[in-house]
Amino acid sequence: AEAAIIGGSYIVVSASLITFNKYIMDKDRFPYAKAMTAIHMSVTSAMSLLLYTIAPKLYPTMGKAKENWQTLLKYILPLGVLFAIALYCSNRAYLYSSVAFLQFCKEGNVALVFAISCFIGLQTFSWRKVSILAVVISGCSICADGEINFAWMGFILQITSQFAECSKNIIGEVVMSGTDLKLDVLTFVLFQAPCSLVPLLISVAVTWQPAIWVAFQAHWPLLLLNALNAFALNLLIATTLKRLSAVAFVIIGILKDSVIVAASSFIFGDPISHLQKIGFAVTVCGIGMWGHLKIQEQAEKEKLRESEPLFKEQLPPQKV
């Protein structure tokens, strides 16, 4: 029951945010990607601080983060810039391409993360992994080839967003598990949001247009609700990672992608060709295989950890 409630909430909130972003980015509402992204980060920063003030127990590694703030900033500052670029390009892409097409492109993130991780030495190259990721890439390629209203600008913005997001995720993985800091998700978000907000505010100020303020006044309730939706998604991601198993998370991710594509077609009337349906099915199969492989690797690591003795036998001192 818990898995169904958490998973269902995660799917609904995630799909609603993407659909909501597309709706707001319409040229007749608020087609200003940088300003909208800055609003997201402003609300996330404020709500994170408020949540920390009300319930500090939800931030178990905050003390460690404060003690090592200089080391943390070394990672968080570039991560914040990458996250800002990822969000801006992703939101901007809605002006040119359909939600369904952009979601098809996002499925290739697993291959990008693997390639970047291998390049910088965080993962070991494996032909088995490459063969599975080839299935994912093939599915994404079929989806792109089957796009009826293909727009190069939307595609370039989306790919740029994905490179920035994947790089951000790799740095985030190092901060959350690969360093002495090992931050929890909510503490990580609390530090990340302001670091993303600063470059966004500078960029908005440099490229400011009076029309942004006019559009904000006309649609501020929608923009605030949209930003709260984004913050709610961060909370649900933290809850999902903490409470559900890896298998459940993979299944939920596949269901979420299917819901987003279906919502794009139903709400916005985005055309989805038969070729794209085939490509999406191939991609989902590849994602499922990749998730199964990662779960196997995690299980093997757990077995090795359990097989290690609690106390290593100490050798007697050597006589000189």
Protein backbone atom coordinates (compact mmCIF):
# COMPACT_ATOMS: atom_id res chain seq x y z
CA ALA A 1 0.00 0.00 0.00
CA GLU A 2 2.82 2.40 0.89
CA ALA A 3 4.65 1.71 -2.38
CA ALA A 4 1.45 2.30 -4.37
CA ILE A 5 0.71 5.61 -2.61
CA ILE A 6 4.28 6.96 -2.86
CA GLY A 7 4.78 5.68 -6.40
CA GLY A 8 1.41 6.95 -7.59
CA SER A 9 2.03 10.37 -6.06
CA TYR A 10 5.48 10.55 -7.66
CA ILE A 11 4.07 9.68 -11.09
CA VAL A 12 1.19 12.17 -10.84
CA VAL A 13 3.31 15.07 -9.56
CA SER A 14 6.13 14.44 -12.05
CA ALA A 15 3.77 14.17 -15.02
CA SER A 16 1.76 17.19 -13.87
CA LEU A 17 4.90 19.34 -13.59
CA ILE A 18 6.06 18.58 -17.13
CA THR A 19 2.55 19.15 -18.50
CA PHE A 20 2.23 22.32 -16.41
CA ASN A 21 5.57 23.66 -17.72
CA LYS A 22 4.46 23.11 -21.31
CA TYR A 23 1.16 24.89 -20.61
CA ILE A 24 2.79 27.94 -18.99
CA MET A 25 5.51 28.26 -21.63
CA ASP A 26 2.88 29.02 -24.27
CA LYS A 27 3.64 32.25 -26.13
CA ASP A 28 0.36 33.78 -24.87
CA ARG A 29 1.15 33.07 -21.19
CA PHE A 30 4.76 33.17 -19.92
CA PRO A 31 7.26 32.18 -22.65
CA TYR A 32 10.30 33.26 -20.60
CA ALA A 33 12.25 30.13 -19.68
CA LYS A 34 14.99 31.80 -17.62
CA ALA A 35 12.53 33.83 -15.56
CA MET A 36 10.30 30.80 -14.95
CA THR A 37 13.30 28.69 -13.91
CA ALA A 38 14.43 31.49 -11.55
CA ILE A 39 10.95 31.48 -9.98
CA HIS A 40 11.24 27.71 -9.49
CA MET A 41 14.58 28.05 -7.73
CA SER A 42 13.41 31.01 -5.61
CA VAL A 43 10.41 29.07 -4.31
CA THR A 44 12.47 25.90 -3.82
CA SER A 45 15.09 27.84 -1.82
CA ALA A 46 12.45 29.53 0.35
CA MET A 47 10.42 26.37 0.93
CA SER A 48 13.56 24.35 1.73
CA LEU A 49 14.60 26.89 4.37
CA LEU A 50 11.07 26.92 5.79
CA LEU A 51 10.94 23.11 5.92
CA TYR A 52 14.36 22.99 7.61
CA THR A 53 13.18 25.53 10.20
CA ILE A 54 10.00 23.56 10.93
CA ALA A 55 11.40 20.02 10.74
CA PRO A 56 15.23 19.97 11.03
CA LYS A 57 15.14 16.19 11.64
CA LEU A 58 14.38 15.75 7.94
CA TYR A 59 17.92 17.07 7.26
CA PRO A 60 20.13 14.56 9.10
CA THR A 61 23.38 15.57 7.39
CA MET A 62 22.92 19.34 7.70
CA GLY A 63 25.41 19.53 10.58
CA LYS A 64 28.08 17.80 8.52
CA ALA A 65 27.31 20.09 5.56
CA LYS A 66 27.73 23.22 7.69
CA GLU A 67 31.03 21.99 9.10
CA ASN A 68 32.41 21.27 5.62
CA TRP A 69 30.74 24.12 3.73
CA GLN A 70 33.91 25.09 1.85
CA THR A 71 34.40 21.56 0.50
CA LEU A 72 30.68 21.36 -0.26
CA LEU A 73 30.69 24.60 -2.26
CA LYS A 74 33.52 23.25 -4.42
CA TYR A 75 31.04 20.68 -5.74
CA ILE A 76 27.75 22.55 -5.36
CA LEU A 77 28.70 25.75 -7.24
CA PRO A 78 29.40 24.07 -10.62
CA LEU A 79 26.49 21.74 -9.99
CA GLY A 80 24.19 24.72 -9.45
CA VAL A 81 25.27 26.29 -12.75
CA LEU A 82 24.74 23.00 -14.60
CA PHE A 83 21.30 22.58 -13.03
CA ALA A 84 20.33 26.11 -14.05
CA ILE A 85 21.42 25.42 -17.66
CA ALA A 86 19.54 22.10 -17.67
CA LEU A 87 16.31 23.65 -16.41
CA TYR A 88 16.51 26.67 -18.71
CA CYS A 89 17.16 24.65 -21.87
CA SER A 90 14.54 22.06 -20.93
CA ASN A 91 11.86 24.71 -20.36
CA ARG A 92 12.90 26.64 -23.47
CA ALA A 93 12.56 23.49 -25.58
CA TYR A 94 8.79 23.42 -24.86
CA LEU A 95 8.44 26.42 -27.18
CA TYR A 96 9.59 24.32 -30.15
CA SER A 97 8.83 20.65 -29.52
CA SER A 98 6.08 18.48 -28.09
CA VAL A 99 6.21 17.03 -24.57
CA ALA A 100 6.14 13.51 -26.02
CA PHE A 101 9.15 14.11 -28.29
CA LEU A 102 11.18 15.72 -25.49
CA GLN A 103 10.33 12.80 -23.21
CA PHE A 104 11.54 10.36 -25.87
CA CYS A 105 14.84 12.24 -25.96
CA LYS A 106 15.17 12.12 -22.15
CA GLU A 107 15.14 8.31 -22.23
CA GLY A 108 18.70 8.48 -23.57
CA ASN A 109 19.98 9.95 -20.30
CA VAL A 110 21.10 6.54 -19.01
CA ALA A 111 23.47 6.19 -21.96
CA LEU A 112 24.82 9.72 -21.48
CA VAL A 113 25.47 9.14 -17.77
CA PHE A 114 27.28 5.87 -18.52
CA ALA A 115 29.43 7.45 -21.24
CA ILE A 116 30.41 10.45 -19.09
CA SER A 117 31.03 8.22 -16.05
CA CYS A 118 33.32 5.93 -18.06
CA PHE A 119 35.17 8.92 -19.48
CA ILE A 120 36.00 10.33 -16.05
CA GLY A 121 36.63 6.92 -14.47
CA LEU A 122 33.57 6.54 -12.23
CA GLN A 123 32.32 3.43 -14.05
CA THR A 124 34.02 0.47 -15.67
CA PHE A 125 33.40 -0.11 -19.37
CA SER A 126 31.40 -3.26 -20.08
CA TRP A 127 30.22 -4.66 -23.40
CA ARG A 128 27.14 -6.05 -21.65
CA LYS A 129 26.18 -2.54 -20.56
CA VAL A 130 26.93 -1.17 -24.01
CA SER A 131 24.68 -3.79 -25.64
CA ILE A 132 21.78 -2.87 -23.32
CA LEU A 133 22.30 0.85 -23.86
CA ALA A 134 22.40 0.23 -27.61
CA VAL A 135 18.77 -0.92 -27.28
CA VAL A 136 17.89 2.34 -25.49
CA ILE A 137 19.69 4.47 -28.09
CA SER A 138 18.02 2.54 -30.94
CA GLY A 139 14.60 3.20 -29.42
CA CYS A 140 15.36 6.92 -28.97
CA SER A 141 16.61 7.14 -32.57
CA ILE A 142 13.42 5.52 -33.87
CA CYS A 143 11.35 8.02 -31.84
CA ALA A 144 13.30 10.98 -33.24
CA ASP A 145 13.05 9.65 -36.79
CA GLY A 146 9.29 9.23 -36.37
CA GLU A 147 8.68 12.79 -35.08
CA ILE A 148 6.09 14.45 -37.32
CA ASN A 149 6.84 18.06 -36.30
CA PHE A 150 10.60 17.83 -35.81
CA ALA A 151 12.29 21.14 -34.84
CA TRP A 152 16.08 21.38 -34.72
CA MET A 153 16.05 24.18 -32.12
CA GLY A 154 13.92 22.11 -29.74
CA PHE A 155 16.17 19.09 -30.27
CA ILE A 156 19.41 21.07 -29.68
CA LEU A 157 18.02 22.71 -26.54
CA GLN A 158 16.89 19.33 -25.21
CA ILE A 159 20.22 17.61 -25.86
CA THR A 160 22.06 20.54 -24.22
CA SER A 161 19.74 20.21 -21.25
CA GLN A 162 20.42 16.48 -21.01
CA PHE A 163 24.21 16.88 -21.10
CA ALA A 164 24.00 19.49 -18.34
CA GLU A 165 21.56 17.38 -16.30
CA CYS A 166 23.62 14.19 -16.61
CA SER A 167 26.81 16.04 -15.61
CA LYS A 168 24.90 17.53 -12.67
CA ASN A 169 23.63 14.11 -11.63
CA ILE A 170 27.14 12.64 -11.67
CA ILE A 171 28.47 15.46 -9.48
CA GLY A 172 25.43 15.03 -7.25
CA GLU A 173 26.10 11.30 -6.90
CA VAL A 174 29.67 12.09 -5.81
CA VAL A 175 28.43 14.59 -3.22
CA MET A 176 25.66 12.32 -1.90
CA SER A 177 27.57 9.04 -1.76
CA GLY A 178 31.12 9.23 -3.09
CA THR A 179 32.68 11.73 -0.71
CA ASP A 180 33.04 12.06 3.06
CA LEU A 181 30.01 14.37 3.03
CA LYS A 182 27.36 11.84 1.91
CA LEU A 183 24.46 14.30 2.06
CA ASP A 184 20.81 13.34 2.30
CA VAL A 185 18.57 14.44 -0.59
CA LEU A 186 16.83 17.35 1.16
CA THR A 187 20.07 18.86 2.48
CA PHE A 188 21.48 18.52 -1.02
CA VAL A 189 18.45 20.38 -2.49
CA LEU A 190 18.71 23.13 0.15
CA PHE A 191 22.30 23.91 -0.90
CA GLN A 192 21.76 23.32 -4.62
CA ALA A 193 18.76 25.63 -5.14
CA PRO A 194 20.46 28.94 -4.14
CA CYS A 195 23.55 28.04 -6.20
CA SER A 196 21.28 27.57 -9.23
CA LEU A 197 19.28 30.71 -8.44
CA VAL A 198 22.24 33.14 -8.47
CA PRO A 199 23.36 32.60 -12.12
CA LEU A 200 19.70 32.56 -13.21
CA LEU A 201 19.00 35.92 -11.55
CA ILE A 202 22.12 37.42 -13.15
CA SER A 203 21.06 36.11 -16.57
CA VAL A 204 17.48 37.38 -16.15
CA ALA A 205 18.79 40.81 -15.11
CA VAL A 206 21.11 41.04 -18.13
CA THR A 207 18.38 40.01 -20.61
CA TRP A 208 15.48 41.73 -18.81
CA GLN A 209 12.40 42.70 -20.82
CA PRO A 210 9.48 44.77 -19.49
CA ALA A 211 7.14 42.16 -20.99
CA ILE A 212 8.36 39.65 -18.38
CA TRP A 213 6.90 41.72 -15.54
CA VAL A 214 3.63 42.25 -17.45
CA ALA A 215 3.29 38.50 -18.05
CA PHE A 216 4.22 37.76 -14.41
CA GLN A 217 1.50 40.09 -13.12
CA ALA A 218 -1.04 38.42 -15.38
CA HIS A 219 -0.10 34.83 -14.49
CA TRP A 220 1.60 34.94 -11.06
CA PRO A 221 -0.89 32.53 -9.39
CA LEU A 222 -0.15 29.91 -12.04
CA LEU A 223 3.60 30.51 -11.78
CA LEU A 224 3.52 30.15 -7.97
CA LEU A 225 1.48 26.95 -8.19
CA ASN A 226 3.87 25.63 -10.83
CA ALA A 227 6.91 26.39 -8.61
CA LEU A 228 5.23 24.67 -5.62
CA ASN A 229 4.63 21.68 -7.89
CA ALA A 230 8.38 21.59 -8.62
CA PHE A 231 9.20 21.70 -4.89
CA ALA A 232 6.68 18.95 -4.17
CA LEU A 233 8.42 16.79 -6.77
CA ASN A 234 11.76 17.26 -4.96
CA LEU A 235 10.15 16.08 -1.71
CA LEU A 236 8.60 13.05 -3.42
CA ILE A 237 11.90 12.11 -5.06
CA ALA A 238 13.52 12.18 -1.62
CA THR A 239 10.70 10.06 -0.16
CA THR A 240 10.77 7.60 -3.05
CA LEU A 241 14.53 7.07 -2.81
CA LYS A 242 14.29 6.58 0.96
CA ARG A 243 11.21 4.37 1.27
CA LEU A 244 11.05 2.24 -1.90
CA SER A 245 13.29 -0.49 -3.27
CA ALA A 246 15.40 -0.18 -6.41
CA VAL A 247 13.02 -2.51 -8.29
CA ALA A 248 10.03 -0.34 -7.38
CA PHE A 249 11.87 2.81 -8.44
CA VAL A 250 12.66 1.36 -11.89
CA ILE A 251 9.05 0.24 -12.42
CA ILE A 252 7.72 3.63 -11.28
CA GLY A 253 10.11 5.41 -13.65
CA ILE A 254 8.84 3.41 -16.63
CA LEU A 255 5.19 4.03 -15.66
CA LYS A 256 5.91 7.74 -15.21
CA ASP A 257 7.38 8.03 -18.71
CA SER A 258 4.36 6.26 -20.19
CA VAL A 259 1.96 8.58 -18.33
CA ILE A 260 3.84 11.69 -19.51
CA VAL A 261 3.72 10.59 -23.15
CA ALA A 262 0.01 9.69 -22.87
CA ALA A 263 -0.77 13.03 -21.17
CA SER A 264 1.07 14.91 -23.92
CA SER A 265 -1.09 13.27 -26.57
CA PHE A 266 -4.36 13.60 -24.63
CA ILE A 267 -4.02 17.15 -23.22
CA PHE A 268 -2.08 18.96 -25.95
CA GLY A 269 -3.06 16.77 -28.88
CA ASP A 270 0.58 16.10 -29.73
CA PRO A 271 0.68 13.63 -32.63
CA ILE A 272 2.49 10.37 -31.88
CA SER A 273 3.31 8.30 -34.96
CA HIS A 274 3.24 4.49 -35.08
CA LEU A 275 7.02 4.55 -35.53
CA GLN A 276 7.38 6.52 -32.29
CA LYS A 277 5.17 4.04 -30.44
CA ILE A 278 7.46 1.23 -31.59
CA GLY A 279 10.56 3.24 -30.66
CA PHE A 280 9.16 4.04 -27.22
CA ALA A 281 8.38 0.37 -26.60
CA VAL A 282 11.97 -0.54 -27.54
CA THR A 283 13.30 2.21 -25.26
CA VAL A 284 11.17 1.10 -22.31
CA CYS A 285 12.45 -2.47 -22.76
CA GLY A 286 16.02 -1.18 -22.76
CA ILE A 287 15.42 0.92 -19.64
CA GLY A 288 13.92 -2.12 -17.92
CA MET A 289 16.95 -4.25 -18.82
CA TRP A 290 19.30 -1.51 -17.59
CA GLY A 291 17.40 -1.23 -14.31
CA HIS A 292 17.56 -5.01 -13.85
CA LEU A 293 21.33 -4.95 -14.45
CA LYS A 294 21.88 -2.15 -11.91
CA ILE A 295 19.78 -4.01 -9.35
CA GLN A 296 21.92 -7.13 -9.88
CA GLU A 297 25.09 -5.08 -9.40
CA GLN A 298 23.71 -3.58 -6.19
CA ALA A 299 22.78 -7.03 -4.88
CA GLU A 300 26.31 -8.32 -5.59
CA LYS A 301 27.80 -5.36 -3.70
CA GLU A 302 25.53 -6.12 -0.73
CA LYS A 303 26.62 -9.77 -0.73
CA LEU A 304 30.29 -8.77 -0.76
CA ARG A 305 29.68 -6.34 2.09
CA GLU A 306 27.90 -9.02 4.13
CA SER A 307 30.66 -11.55 3.50
CA GLU A 308 33.34 -9.25 4.90
CA PRO A 309 34.30 -10.04 8.52
CA LEU A 310 33.18 -7.57 11.15
CA PHE A 311 36.65 -7.39 12.60
CA LYS A 312 39.69 -7.88 10.43
CA GLU A 313 42.26 -10.17 11.94
CA GLN A 314 45.21 -8.18 13.15
CA LEU A 315 48.66 -9.55 12.38
CA PRO A 316 51.24 -9.60 15.20
CA PRO A 317 53.82 -6.84 15.02
CA GLN A 318 56.92 -7.66 13.03
CA LYS A 319 60.19 -7.94 14.95
CA VAL A 320 62.92 -5.72 13.64
